[in-house]
Amino acid sequence: MTPFRMIFKSYIQRNREQLITVVNGQGVPICGSGNIISESSIVLNDVLHVPQLANNLISVQKLTKDLNCSVTFFSTNCIFQNLATGKTILTAKEAMKSYLIVSQKSLTSFPYA
């Protein structure tokens, strides 16, 4: 999920209002969905556009399924590895009870839960 409309490579606007429930119990609208290509060339499919979010949020379950990878958590970081090759796809560092994915090609970070 992301609040940032401009990062979508493809986008479909939602005609009827659908809500997601955020951590405080409030329902916030999903305005659309589409695909995003990260700076490290990873394609994220069916990403929800939720303008009222403060940050990008990524589902670990969806990411491991879509990218055919495993994730290993350590005390201060985690790594995502391709199941077929064992190659590290992404790394993330712990920050404020979440993890920030650090792009392999730049220092751009994406928080996920």
Protein backbone atom coordinates (compact mmCIF):
# COMPACT_ATOMS: atom_id res chain seq x y z
CA MET A 1 0.00 0.00 0.00
CA THR A 2 1.20 3.49 -0.73
CA PRO A 3 -0.08 7.05 -0.38
CA PHE A 4 1.98 8.15 -3.39
CA ARG A 5 0.03 8.13 -6.68
CA MET A 6 3.03 9.28 -8.73
CA ILE A 7 5.06 6.09 -8.17
CA PHE A 8 2.63 3.81 -10.04
CA LYS A 9 3.70 2.53 -13.47
CA SER A 10 0.15 1.35 -14.19
CA TYR A 11 -2.96 2.41 -12.30
CA ILE A 12 -6.67 1.57 -12.14
CA GLN A 13 -8.92 3.96 -10.25
CA ARG A 14 -11.58 2.36 -8.02
CA ASN A 15 -15.14 3.39 -8.87
CA ARG A 16 -16.76 2.27 -5.63
CA GLU A 17 -15.39 3.09 -2.23
CA GLN A 18 -13.57 0.33 -0.42
CA LEU A 19 -11.98 0.85 2.97
CA ILE A 20 -9.04 -0.66 4.80
CA THR A 21 -8.73 -0.52 8.56
CA VAL A 22 -5.55 1.09 9.86
CA VAL A 23 -3.87 0.52 13.21
CA ASN A 24 -6.07 3.01 15.11
CA GLY A 25 -9.23 1.21 13.92
CA GLN A 26 -10.20 3.93 11.44
CA GLY A 27 -11.40 2.96 7.96
CA VAL A 28 -9.58 4.81 5.17
CA PRO A 29 -10.47 4.66 1.46
CA ILE A 30 -8.61 2.76 -1.25
CA CYS A 31 -8.57 5.06 -4.29
CA GLY A 32 -7.00 2.67 -6.79
CA SER A 33 -4.41 0.00 -7.43
CA GLY A 34 -1.66 -0.85 -9.86
CA ASN A 35 1.94 -1.89 -10.35
CA ILE A 36 5.09 -0.26 -9.06
CA ILE A 37 8.66 -0.90 -10.18
CA SER A 38 11.16 -0.18 -7.42
CA GLU A 39 14.51 1.52 -8.00
CA SER A 40 16.10 -1.93 -7.74
CA SER A 41 13.84 -3.14 -10.62
CA ILE A 42 11.55 -5.24 -8.43
CA VAL A 43 7.97 -5.29 -9.70
CA LEU A 44 5.27 -4.99 -7.05
CA ASN A 45 1.87 -6.01 -8.43
CA ASP A 46 -1.61 -5.05 -7.22
CA VAL A 47 -0.37 -2.31 -4.89
CA LEU A 48 -3.20 -0.39 -3.23
CA HIS A 49 -3.30 3.41 -3.41
CA VAL A 50 -4.36 4.70 0.01
CA PRO A 51 -3.69 8.47 0.14
CA GLN A 52 -4.29 8.77 3.90
CA LEU A 53 -1.33 6.51 4.78
CA ALA A 54 1.84 8.19 6.01
CA ASN A 55 4.25 5.65 4.47
CA ASN A 56 4.50 2.75 2.07
CA LEU A 57 3.52 -0.57 3.66
CA ILE A 58 4.43 -3.95 2.19
CA SER A 59 2.95 -7.31 3.14
CA VAL A 60 5.79 -9.75 3.83
CA GLN A 61 3.52 -12.68 2.88
CA LYS A 62 2.59 -11.14 -0.48
CA LEU A 63 6.18 -10.13 -1.21
CA THR A 64 7.58 -13.61 -0.53
CA LYS A 65 4.85 -15.21 -2.66
CA ASP A 66 5.09 -12.77 -5.59
CA LEU A 67 8.90 -12.79 -5.69
CA ASN A 68 9.30 -16.51 -4.87
CA CYS A 69 11.62 -15.69 -2.01
CA SER A 70 12.19 -16.38 1.66
CA VAL A 71 12.79 -13.89 4.43
CA THR A 72 15.12 -14.32 7.38
CA PHE A 73 14.75 -11.98 10.35
CA PHE A 74 17.66 -11.03 12.58
CA SER A 75 17.72 -8.74 15.63
CA THR A 76 18.38 -5.55 13.64
CA ASN A 77 17.73 -6.48 10.01
CA CYS A 78 16.25 -9.01 7.61
CA ILE A 79 17.08 -10.35 4.17
CA PHE A 80 14.92 -11.58 1.30
CA GLN A 81 16.48 -14.34 -0.79
CA ASN A 82 15.37 -15.88 -4.09
CA LEU A 83 14.29 -19.48 -3.41
CA ALA A 84 15.74 -20.80 -6.69
CA THR A 85 19.13 -19.08 -6.60
CA GLY A 86 19.68 -18.12 -2.97
CA LYS A 87 20.60 -14.62 -4.17
CA THR A 88 19.72 -11.73 -1.85
CA ILE A 89 16.94 -9.67 -3.43
CA LEU A 90 16.36 -7.09 -0.68
CA THR A 91 17.69 -6.14 2.70
CA ALA A 92 15.88 -4.23 5.41
CA LYS A 93 16.98 -2.55 8.62
CA GLU A 94 14.95 -2.31 11.82
CA ALA A 95 13.79 1.20 12.67
CA MET A 96 11.12 2.25 15.16
CA LYS A 97 9.47 -1.20 15.44
CA SER A 98 9.26 -1.59 11.65
CA TYR A 99 11.72 -2.50 8.93
CA LEU A 100 12.93 -0.19 6.19
CA ILE A 101 13.72 -1.88 2.90
CA VAL A 102 16.92 -0.43 1.53
CA SER A 103 17.14 -0.36 -2.25
CA GLN A 104 20.12 -2.20 -3.70
CA LYS A 105 20.75 0.64 -6.22
CA SER A 106 20.15 3.65 -3.99
CA LEU A 107 19.49 4.63 -0.42
CA THR A 108 15.75 5.03 -1.00
CA SER A 109 13.88 3.18 1.73
CA PHE A 110 10.41 1.69 1.92
CA PRO A 111 8.86 0.89 5.31
CA TYR A 112 6.90 -2.33 5.56
CA ALA A 113 5.06 -4.27 8.23
